[in-house]
Protein backbone atom coordinates (compact mmCIF):
# COMPACT_ATOMS: atom_id res chain seq x y z
CA UNK A 1 0.00 0.00 0.00
CA UNK A 2 1.24 3.48 -0.88
CA UNK A 3 2.82 5.33 2.01
CA UNK A 4 1.66 8.80 3.01
CA UNK A 5 4.78 10.47 1.61
CA UNK A 6 4.29 8.94 -1.84
CA UNK A 7 0.63 9.90 -1.83
CA UNK A 8 1.48 13.48 -0.85
CA UNK A 9 4.20 13.72 -3.50
CA UNK A 10 1.98 12.35 -6.26
CA UNK A 11 -0.85 14.70 -5.33
CA UNK A 12 1.54 17.64 -5.39
CA UNK A 13 2.94 16.62 -8.78
CA UNK A 14 -0.56 16.30 -10.22
CA UNK A 15 -1.89 19.47 -8.59
CA UNK A 16 -4.48 17.65 -6.49
CA UNK A 17 -5.59 19.15 -3.18
CA UNK A 18 -7.73 17.75 -0.40
CA UNK A 19 -8.32 14.10 0.36
CA UNK A 20 -11.41 13.32 -1.71
CA UNK A 21 -9.43 11.29 -4.29
CA UNK A 22 -6.97 9.65 -1.87
CA UNK A 23 -8.50 6.17 -2.11
CA UNK A 24 -8.44 6.21 -5.92
CA UNK A 25 -4.94 7.66 -6.06
CA UNK A 26 -3.68 5.04 -3.60
CA UNK A 27 -4.98 2.25 -5.83
CA UNK A 28 -3.24 3.77 -8.86
CA UNK A 29 -0.02 4.35 -6.93
CA UNK A 30 0.00 0.74 -5.75
CA UNK A 31 -0.63 -0.46 -9.30
CA UNK A 32 2.19 1.64 -10.76
CA UNK A 33 4.62 0.52 -8.06
CA UNK A 34 3.66 -3.12 -8.68
CA UNK A 35 4.13 -2.64 -12.42
CA UNK A 36 7.59 -1.14 -11.93
CA UNK A 37 8.61 -3.79 -9.41
CA UNK A 38 7.43 -6.61 -11.68
CA UNK A 39 9.35 -4.97 -14.55
CA UNK A 40 12.53 -5.33 -12.49
CA UNK A 41 12.93 -1.73 -11.29
CA UNK A 42 14.73 -1.68 -7.95
CA UNK A 43 12.83 0.08 -5.19
CA UNK A 44 15.52 2.74 -4.84
CA UNK A 45 14.63 3.96 -8.37
CA UNK A 46 10.87 4.00 -7.83
CA UNK A 47 10.40 7.70 -7.09
CA UNK A 48 7.41 9.97 -6.95
CA UNK A 49 8.34 11.29 -10.42
CA UNK A 50 7.89 8.03 -12.32
CA UNK A 51 4.99 7.01 -10.09
CA UNK A 52 3.23 10.34 -10.73
CA UNK A 53 3.64 9.88 -14.49
CA UNK A 54 2.13 6.40 -14.28
CA UNK A 55 -0.73 7.54 -12.07
CA UNK A 56 -1.49 10.40 -14.47
CA UNK A 57 -1.50 7.94 -17.37
CA UNK A 58 -3.89 5.54 -15.62
CA UNK A 59 -6.16 8.29 -14.40
CA UNK A 60 -5.82 10.25 -17.63
CA UNK A 61 -8.02 12.93 -16.14
CA UNK A 62 -11.27 11.19 -17.00
CA UNK A 63 -10.52 9.88 -20.49
CA UNK A 64 -10.75 6.34 -19.05
CA UNK A 65 -8.51 4.67 -21.62
CA UNK A 66 -6.14 3.41 -18.90
CA UNK A 67 -3.07 3.26 -21.13
CA UNK A 68 0.46 3.90 -19.94
CA UNK A 69 2.19 6.51 -22.07
CA UNK A 70 5.14 5.85 -24.34
CA UNK A 71 7.25 8.07 -22.07
CA UNK A 72 6.34 6.05 -18.98
CA UNK A 73 7.17 2.78 -20.72
CA UNK A 74 10.51 4.09 -21.99
CA UNK A 75 11.43 5.45 -18.57
CA UNK A 76 10.39 2.21 -16.85
CA UNK A 77 12.59 0.30 -19.27
CA UNK A 78 15.53 2.59 -18.56
CA UNK A 79 15.05 2.22 -14.83
CA UNK A 80 14.84 -1.56 -15.06
CA UNK A 81 18.36 -1.62 -16.54
CA UNK A 82 19.95 0.47 -13.79
CA UNK A 83 22.33 -1.43 -11.56
PDB file of N, CA and C in Angstrom:
ATOM      1  N   UNK A   1       0.847  -1.188   0.000  1.00  0.00           N
ATOM      2  CA  UNK A   1       0.000   0.000   0.000  1.00  0.00           C
ATOM      3  C   UNK A   1       0.888   1.246   0.000  1.00  0.00           C
ATOM      4  N   UNK A   2       0.471   2.241  -0.750  1.00  0.00           N
ATOM      5  CA  UNK A   2       1.237   3.482  -0.877  1.00  0.00           C
ATOM      6  C   UNK A   2       1.400   4.157   0.479  1.00  0.00           C
ATOM      7  N   UNK A   3       2.629   4.616   0.744  1.00  0.00           N
ATOM      8  CA  UNK A   3       2.821   5.328   2.005  1.00  0.00           C
ATOM      9  C   UNK A   3       2.358   6.773   1.859  1.00  0.00           C
ATOM     10  N   UNK A   4       2.191   7.438   2.981  1.00  0.00           N
ATOM     11  CA  UNK A   4       1.656   8.804   3.007  1.00  0.00           C
ATOM     12  C   UNK A   4       2.552   9.776   2.247  1.00  0.00           C
ATOM     13  N   UNK A   5       3.867   9.574   2.320  1.00  0.00           N
ATOM     14  CA  UNK A   5       4.784  10.474   1.612  1.00  0.00           C
ATOM     15  C   UNK A   5       4.624  10.358   0.105  1.00  0.00           C
ATOM     16  N   UNK A   6       4.475   9.130  -0.400  1.00  0.00           N
ATOM     17  CA  UNK A   6       4.294   8.936  -1.836  1.00  0.00           C
ATOM     18  C   UNK A   6       2.973   9.549  -2.268  1.00  0.00           C
ATOM     19  N   UNK A   7       1.924   9.325  -1.499  1.00  0.00           N
ATOM     20  CA  UNK A   7       0.626   9.904  -1.831  1.00  0.00           C
ATOM     21  C   UNK A   7       0.704  11.420  -1.880  1.00  0.00           C
ATOM     22  N   UNK A   8       1.329  12.026  -0.895  1.00  0.00           N
ATOM     23  CA  UNK A   8       1.477  13.482  -0.847  1.00  0.00           C
ATOM     24  C   UNK A   8       2.280  13.986  -2.043  1.00  0.00           C
ATOM     25  N   UNK A   9       3.356  13.309  -2.377  1.00  0.00           N
ATOM     26  CA  UNK A   9       4.202  13.717  -3.502  1.00  0.00           C
ATOM     27  C   UNK A   9       3.473  13.605  -4.830  1.00  0.00           C
ATOM     28  N   UNK A  10       2.737  12.532  -5.020  1.00  0.00           N
ATOM     29  CA  UNK A  10       1.982  12.347  -6.260  1.00  0.00           C
ATOM     30  C   UNK A  10       0.894  13.415  -6.377  1.00  0.00           C
ATOM     31  N   UNK A  11       0.198  13.669  -5.297  1.00  0.00           N
ATOM     32  CA  UNK A  11      -0.847  14.698  -5.327  1.00  0.00           C
ATOM     33  C   UNK A  11      -0.261  16.058  -5.677  1.00  0.00           C
ATOM     34  N   UNK A  12       0.891  16.366  -5.101  1.00  0.00           N
ATOM     35  CA  UNK A  12       1.540  17.641  -5.386  1.00  0.00           C
ATOM     36  C   UNK A  12       1.933  17.720  -6.860  1.00  0.00           C
ATOM     37  N   UNK A  13       2.517  16.653  -7.386  1.00  0.00           N
ATOM     38  CA  UNK A  13       2.943  16.624  -8.782  1.00  0.00           C
ATOM     39  C   UNK A  13       1.762  16.780  -9.741  1.00  0.00           C
ATOM     40  N   UNK A  14       0.616  16.251  -9.354  1.00  0.00           N
ATOM     41  CA  UNK A  14      -0.563  16.303 -10.218  1.00  0.00           C
ATOM     42  C   UNK A  14      -1.474  17.489  -9.914  1.00  0.00           C
ATOM     43  N   UNK A  15      -1.103  18.288  -8.933  1.00  0.00           N
ATOM     44  CA  UNK A  15      -1.892  19.467  -8.593  1.00  0.00           C
ATOM     45  C   UNK A  15      -3.227  19.145  -7.948  1.00  0.00           C
ATOM     46  N   UNK A  16      -3.248  18.088  -7.146  1.00  0.00           N
ATOM     47  CA  UNK A  16      -4.482  17.653  -6.490  1.00  0.00           C
ATOM     48  C   UNK A  16      -4.440  18.073  -5.030  1.00  0.00           C
ATOM     49  N   UNK A  17      -5.492  18.721  -4.579  1.00  0.00           N
ATOM     50  CA  UNK A  17      -5.591  19.155  -3.181  1.00  0.00           C
ATOM     51  C   UNK A  17      -6.724  18.414  -2.492  1.00  0.00           C
ATOM     52  N   UNK A  18      -6.688  18.409  -1.179  1.00  0.00           N
ATOM     53  CA  UNK A  18      -7.731  17.748  -0.404  1.00  0.00           C
ATOM     54  C   UNK A  18      -7.521  16.245  -0.392  1.00  0.00           C
ATOM     55  N   UNK A  19      -8.468  15.549   0.239  1.00  0.00           N
ATOM     56  CA  UNK A  19      -8.316  14.099   0.361  1.00  0.00           C
ATOM     57  C   UNK A  19      -9.425  13.303  -0.303  1.00  0.00           C
ATOM     58  N   UNK A  20     -10.273  13.973  -1.068  1.00  0.00           N
ATOM     59  CA  UNK A  20     -11.412  13.315  -1.707  1.00  0.00           C
ATOM     60  C   UNK A  20     -10.986  12.157  -2.611  1.00  0.00           C
ATOM     61  N   UNK A  21      -9.873  12.306  -3.330  1.00  0.00           N
ATOM     62  CA  UNK A  21      -9.430  11.294  -4.290  1.00  0.00           C
ATOM     63  C   UNK A  21      -8.360  10.351  -3.735  1.00  0.00           C
ATOM     64  N   UNK A  22      -8.069  10.437  -2.449  1.00  0.00           N
ATOM     65  CA  UNK A  22      -6.972   9.653  -1.875  1.00  0.00           C
ATOM     66  C   UNK A  22      -7.124   8.150  -2.093  1.00  0.00           C
ATOM     67  N   UNK A  23      -8.315   7.609  -1.937  1.00  0.00           N
ATOM     68  CA  UNK A  23      -8.500   6.166  -2.112  1.00  0.00           C
ATOM     69  C   UNK A  23      -8.193   5.747  -3.548  1.00  0.00           C
ATOM     70  N   UNK A  24      -8.688   6.511  -4.509  1.00  0.00           N
ATOM     71  CA  UNK A  24      -8.439   6.211  -5.923  1.00  0.00           C
ATOM     72  C   UNK A  24      -6.962   6.352  -6.248  1.00  0.00           C
ATOM     73  N   UNK A  25      -6.356   7.433  -5.799  1.00  0.00           N
ATOM     74  CA  UNK A  25      -4.941   7.657  -6.057  1.00  0.00           C
ATOM     75  C   UNK A  25      -4.084   6.558  -5.446  1.00  0.00           C
ATOM     76  N   UNK A  26      -4.435   6.104  -4.259  1.00  0.00           N
ATOM     77  CA  UNK A  26      -3.682   5.040  -3.602  1.00  0.00           C
ATOM     78  C   UNK A  26      -3.726   3.748  -4.418  1.00  0.00           C
ATOM     79  N   UNK A  27      -4.871   3.437  -4.982  1.00  0.00           N
ATOM     80  CA  UNK A  27      -4.985   2.245  -5.835  1.00  0.00           C
ATOM     81  C   UNK A  27      -4.070   2.383  -7.045  1.00  0.00           C
ATOM     82  N   UNK A  28      -4.089   3.542  -7.687  1.00  0.00           N
ATOM     83  CA  UNK A  28      -3.240   3.767  -8.864  1.00  0.00           C
ATOM     84  C   UNK A  28      -1.754   3.758  -8.490  1.00  0.00           C
ATOM     85  N   UNK A  29      -1.414   4.360  -7.384  1.00  0.00           N
ATOM     86  CA  UNK A  29      -0.017   4.354  -6.927  1.00  0.00           C
ATOM     87  C   UNK A  29       0.448   2.918  -6.699  1.00  0.00           C
ATOM     88  N   UNK A  30      -0.358   2.141  -6.011  1.00  0.00           N
ATOM     89  CA  UNK A  30      -0.001   0.745  -5.749  1.00  0.00           C
ATOM     90  C   UNK A  30       0.164  -0.026  -7.057  1.00  0.00           C
ATOM     91  N   UNK A  31      -0.700   0.229  -8.015  1.00  0.00           N
ATOM     92  CA  UNK A  31      -0.629  -0.462  -9.301  1.00  0.00           C
ATOM     93  C   UNK A  31       0.642  -0.087 -10.059  1.00  0.00           C
ATOM     94  N   UNK A  32       0.985   1.190 -10.075  1.00  0.00           N
ATOM     95  CA  UNK A  32       2.191   1.640 -10.765  1.00  0.00           C
ATOM     96  C   UNK A  32       3.441   1.072 -10.097  1.00  0.00           C
ATOM     97  N   UNK A  33       3.480   1.086  -8.777  1.00  0.00           N
ATOM     98  CA  UNK A  33       4.623   0.525  -8.061  1.00  0.00           C
ATOM     99  C   UNK A  33       4.744  -0.973  -8.341  1.00  0.00           C
ATOM    100  N   UNK A  34       3.637  -1.687  -8.363  1.00  0.00           N
ATOM    101  CA  UNK A  34       3.657  -3.120  -8.676  1.00  0.00           C
ATOM    102  C   UNK A  34       4.150  -3.353 -10.102  1.00  0.00           C
ATOM    103  N   UNK A  35       3.694  -2.536 -11.033  1.00  0.00           N
ATOM    104  CA  UNK A  35       4.134  -2.640 -12.424  1.00  0.00           C
ATOM    105  C   UNK A  35       5.646  -2.473 -12.513  1.00  0.00           C
ATOM    106  N   UNK A  36       6.152  -1.415 -11.887  1.00  0.00           N
ATOM    107  CA  UNK A  36       7.586  -1.141 -11.931  1.00  0.00           C
ATOM    108  C   UNK A  36       8.392  -2.247 -11.258  1.00  0.00           C
ATOM    109  N   UNK A  37       7.929  -2.713 -10.127  1.00  0.00           N
ATOM    110  CA  UNK A  37       8.611  -3.791  -9.410  1.00  0.00           C
ATOM    111  C   UNK A  37       8.640  -5.062 -10.257  1.00  0.00           C
ATOM    112  N   UNK A  38       7.499  -5.419 -10.838  1.00  0.00           N
ATOM    113  CA  UNK A  38       7.426  -6.608 -11.682  1.00  0.00           C
ATOM    114  C   UNK A  38       8.269  -6.467 -12.943  1.00  0.00           C
ATOM    115  N   UNK A  39       8.507  -5.228 -13.376  1.00  0.00           N
ATOM    116  CA  UNK A  39       9.353  -4.972 -14.551  1.00  0.00           C
ATOM    117  C   UNK A  39      10.837  -5.025 -14.191  1.00  0.00           C
ATOM    118  N   UNK A  40      11.151  -5.205 -12.908  1.00  0.00           N
ATOM    119  CA  UNK A  40      12.532  -5.330 -12.487  1.00  0.00           C
ATOM    120  C   UNK A  40      13.180  -4.049 -12.009  1.00  0.00           C
ATOM    121  N   UNK A  41      12.382  -2.997 -11.795  1.00  0.00           N
ATOM    122  CA  UNK A  41      12.928  -1.735 -11.290  1.00  0.00           C
ATOM    123  C   UNK A  41      13.175  -1.894  -9.792  1.00  0.00           C
ATOM    124  N   UNK A  42      14.399  -1.605  -9.375  1.00  0.00           N
ATOM    125  CA  UNK A  42      14.729  -1.676  -7.955  1.00  0.00           C
ATOM    126  C   UNK A  42      13.998  -0.571  -7.202  1.00  0.00           C
ATOM    127  N   UNK A  43      13.629  -0.860  -5.976  1.00  0.00           N
ATOM    128  CA  UNK A  43      12.826   0.078  -5.189  1.00  0.00           C
ATOM    129  C   UNK A  43      13.491   1.439  -5.027  1.00  0.00           C
ATOM    130  N   UNK A  44      14.812   1.474  -5.006  1.00  0.00           N
ATOM    131  CA  UNK A  44      15.521   2.743  -4.844  1.00  0.00           C
ATOM    132  C   UNK A  44      15.249   3.693  -6.021  1.00  0.00           C
ATOM    133  N   UNK A  45      14.895   3.150  -7.183  1.00  0.00           N
ATOM    134  CA  UNK A  45      14.632   3.964  -8.368  1.00  0.00           C
ATOM    135  C   UNK A  45      13.142   4.266  -8.575  1.00  0.00           C
ATOM    136  N   UNK A  46      12.308   3.735  -7.718  1.00  0.00           N
ATOM    137  CA  UNK A  46      10.873   4.005  -7.826  1.00  0.00           C
ATOM    138  C   UNK A  46      10.582   5.265  -7.018  1.00  0.00           C
ATOM    139  N   UNK A  47      10.571   6.392  -7.722  1.00  0.00           N
ATOM    140  CA  UNK A  47      10.399   7.699  -7.092  1.00  0.00           C
ATOM    141  C   UNK A  47       9.019   8.264  -7.398  1.00  0.00           C
ATOM    142  N   UNK A  48       8.709   9.344  -6.720  1.00  0.00           N
ATOM    143  CA  UNK A  48       7.408   9.975  -6.950  1.00  0.00           C
ATOM    144  C   UNK A  48       7.282  10.500  -8.380  1.00  0.00           C
ATOM    145  N   UNK A  49       8.401  10.791  -9.038  1.00  0.00           N
ATOM    146  CA  UNK A  49       8.339  11.285 -10.415  1.00  0.00           C
ATOM    147  C   UNK A  49       7.773  10.259 -11.375  1.00  0.00           C
ATOM    148  N   UNK A  50       8.371   9.068 -11.405  1.00  0.00           N
ATOM    149  CA  UNK A  50       7.890   8.027 -12.317  1.00  0.00           C
ATOM    150  C   UNK A  50       6.519   7.518 -11.875  1.00  0.00           C
ATOM    151  N   UNK A  51       6.295   7.452 -10.579  1.00  0.00           N
ATOM    152  CA  UNK A  51       4.987   7.008 -10.091  1.00  0.00           C
ATOM    153  C   UNK A  51       3.905   8.026 -10.477  1.00  0.00           C
ATOM    154  N   UNK A  52       4.205   9.306 -10.347  1.00  0.00           N
ATOM    155  CA  UNK A  52       3.233  10.343 -10.727  1.00  0.00           C
ATOM    156  C   UNK A  52       2.880  10.257 -12.200  1.00  0.00           C
ATOM    157  N   UNK A  53       3.882  10.009 -13.042  1.00  0.00           N
ATOM    158  CA  UNK A  53       3.639   9.877 -14.488  1.00  0.00           C
ATOM    159  C   UNK A  53       2.717   8.696 -14.756  1.00  0.00           C
ATOM    160  N   UNK A  54       2.978   7.574 -14.105  1.00  0.00           N
ATOM    161  CA  UNK A  54       2.133   6.397 -14.279  1.00  0.00           C
ATOM    162  C   UNK A  54       0.720   6.611 -13.772  1.00  0.00           C
ATOM    163  N   UNK A  55       0.597   7.255 -12.620  1.00  0.00           N
ATOM    164  CA  UNK A  55      -0.735   7.545 -12.069  1.00  0.00           C
ATOM    165  C   UNK A  55      -1.505   8.463 -13.022  1.00  0.00           C
ATOM    166  N   UNK A  56      -0.839   9.489 -13.525  1.00  0.00           N
ATOM    167  CA  UNK A  56      -1.493  10.400 -14.466  1.00  0.00           C
ATOM    168  C   UNK A  56      -1.947   9.651 -15.710  1.00  0.00           C
ATOM    169  N   UNK A  57      -1.126   8.725 -16.192  1.00  0.00           N
ATOM    170  CA  UNK A  57      -1.501   7.938 -17.370  1.00  0.00           C
ATOM    171  C   UNK A  57      -2.731   7.082 -17.095  1.00  0.00           C
ATOM    172  N   UNK A  58      -2.755   6.413 -15.945  1.00  0.00           N
ATOM    173  CA  UNK A  58      -3.888   5.545 -15.622  1.00  0.00           C
ATOM    174  C   UNK A  58      -5.159   6.343 -15.388  1.00  0.00           C
ATOM    175  N   UNK A  59      -5.017   7.438 -14.688  1.00  0.00           N
ATOM    176  CA  UNK A  59      -6.162   8.286 -14.397  1.00  0.00           C
ATOM    177  C   UNK A  59      -6.598   9.000 -15.668  1.00  0.00           C
ATOM    178  N   UNK A  60      -5.624   9.542 -16.375  1.00  0.00           N
ATOM    179  CA  UNK A  60      -5.824  10.248 -17.635  1.00  0.00           C
ATOM    180  C   UNK A  60      -6.929  11.291 -17.559  1.00  0.00           C
ATOM    181  N   UNK A  61      -7.074  11.836 -16.368  1.00  0.00           N
ATOM    182  CA  UNK A  61      -8.019  12.926 -16.137  1.00  0.00           C
ATOM    183  C   UNK A  61      -9.387  12.689 -16.766  1.00  0.00           C
ATOM    184  N   UNK A  62      -9.892  11.468 -16.612  1.00  0.00           N
ATOM    185  CA  UNK A  62     -11.267  11.194 -17.000  1.00  0.00           C
ATOM    186  C   UNK A  62     -11.433  10.567 -18.367  1.00  0.00           C
ATOM    187  N   UNK A  63     -10.381  10.449 -19.156  1.00  0.00           N
ATOM    188  CA  UNK A  63     -10.521   9.878 -20.495  1.00  0.00           C
ATOM    189  C   UNK A  63     -10.803   8.377 -20.436  1.00  0.00           C
ATOM    190  N   UNK A  64     -10.419   7.747 -19.341  1.00  0.00           N
ATOM    191  CA  UNK A  64     -10.745   6.343 -19.054  1.00  0.00           C
ATOM    192  C   UNK A  64     -10.189   5.348 -20.057  1.00  0.00           C
ATOM    193  N   UNK A  65      -9.076   5.678 -20.730  1.00  0.00           N
ATOM    194  CA  UNK A  65      -8.511   4.673 -21.618  1.00  0.00           C
ATOM    195  C   UNK A  65      -7.496   3.793 -20.897  1.00  0.00           C
ATOM    196  N   UNK A  66      -6.989   4.234 -19.751  1.00  0.00           N
ATOM    197  CA  UNK A  66      -6.139   3.413 -18.903  1.00  0.00           C
ATOM    198  C   UNK A  66      -4.860   2.910 -19.546  1.00  0.00           C
ATOM    199  N   UNK A  67      -4.300   3.672 -20.475  1.00  0.00           N
ATOM    200  CA  UNK A  67      -3.066   3.262 -21.130  1.00  0.00           C
ATOM    201  C   UNK A  67      -1.876   3.993 -20.517  1.00  0.00           C
ATOM    202  N   UNK A  68      -0.784   3.267 -20.391  1.00  0.00           N
ATOM    203  CA  UNK A  68       0.455   3.895 -19.945  1.00  0.00           C
ATOM    204  C   UNK A  68       1.120   4.541 -21.157  1.00  0.00           C
ATOM    205  N   UNK A  69       1.625   5.749 -20.963  1.00  0.00           N
ATOM    206  CA  UNK A  69       2.194   6.511 -22.065  1.00  0.00           C
ATOM    207  C   UNK A  69       3.505   5.909 -22.557  1.00  0.00           C
ATOM    208  N   UNK A  70       3.881   6.288 -23.764  1.00  0.00           N
ATOM    209  CA  UNK A  70       5.142   5.854 -24.338  1.00  0.00           C
ATOM    210  C   UNK A  70       6.298   6.323 -23.455  1.00  0.00           C
ATOM    211  N   UNK A  71       6.204   7.560 -22.954  1.00  0.00           N
ATOM    212  CA  UNK A  71       7.248   8.071 -22.074  1.00  0.00           C
ATOM    213  C   UNK A  71       7.399   7.185 -20.834  1.00  0.00           C
ATOM    214  N   UNK A  72       6.285   6.869 -20.189  1.00  0.00           N
ATOM    215  CA  UNK A  72       6.336   6.046 -18.983  1.00  0.00           C
ATOM    216  C   UNK A  72       7.009   4.706 -19.286  1.00  0.00           C
ATOM    217  N   UNK A  73       6.616   4.087 -20.372  1.00  0.00           N
ATOM    218  CA  UNK A  73       7.167   2.781 -20.721  1.00  0.00           C
ATOM    219  C   UNK A  73       8.668   2.870 -21.013  1.00  0.00           C
ATOM    220  N   UNK A  74       9.083   3.926 -21.716  1.00  0.00           N
ATOM    221  CA  UNK A  74      10.511   4.094 -21.990  1.00  0.00           C
ATOM    222  C   UNK A  74      11.291   4.326 -20.705  1.00  0.00           C
ATOM    223  N   UNK A  75      10.755   5.150 -19.832  1.00  0.00           N
ATOM    224  CA  UNK A  75      11.430   5.446 -18.566  1.00  0.00           C
ATOM    225  C   UNK A  75      11.491   4.205 -17.675  1.00  0.00           C
ATOM    226  N   UNK A  76      10.406   3.447 -17.629  1.00  0.00           N
ATOM    227  CA  UNK A  76      10.391   2.210 -16.846  1.00  0.00           C
ATOM    228  C   UNK A  76      11.448   1.237 -17.368  1.00  0.00           C
ATOM    229  N   UNK A  77      11.578   1.174 -18.678  1.00  0.00           N
ATOM    230  CA  UNK A  77      12.591   0.301 -19.275  1.00  0.00           C
ATOM    231  C   UNK A  77      13.982   0.759 -18.881  1.00  0.00           C
ATOM    232  N   UNK A  78      14.234   2.058 -18.971  1.00  0.00           N
ATOM    233  CA  UNK A  78      15.531   2.593 -18.555  1.00  0.00           C
ATOM    234  C   UNK A  78      15.837   2.251 -17.101  1.00  0.00           C
ATOM    235  N   UNK A  79      14.852   2.466 -16.248  1.00  0.00           N
ATOM    236  CA  UNK A  79      15.054   2.218 -14.827  1.00  0.00           C
ATOM    237  C   UNK A  79      15.291   0.747 -14.527  1.00  0.00           C
ATOM    238  N   UNK A  80      14.668  -0.114 -15.310  1.00  0.00           N
ATOM    239  CA  UNK A  80      14.843  -1.564 -15.062  1.00  0.00           C
ATOM    240  C   UNK A  80      16.260  -2.025 -15.374  1.00  0.00           C
ATOM    241  N   UNK A  81      16.996  -1.261 -16.195  1.00  0.00           N
ATOM    242  CA  UNK A  81      18.364  -1.624 -16.544  1.00  0.00           C
ATOM    243  C   UNK A  81      19.410  -1.025 -15.607  1.00  0.00           C
ATOM    244  N   UNK A  82      18.998  -0.143 -14.711  1.00  0.00           N
ATOM    245  CA  UNK A  82      19.948   0.469 -13.787  1.00  0.00           C
ATOM    246  C   UNK A  82      20.450  -0.570 -12.794  1.00  0.00           C
ATOM    247  N   UNK A  83      21.727  -0.482 -12.507  1.00  0.00           N
ATOM    248  CA  UNK A  83      22.331  -1.434 -11.558  1.00  0.00           C
ATOM    249  C   UNK A  83      22.246  -0.928 -10.141  1.00  0.00           C
TER     250      UNK A  83
END
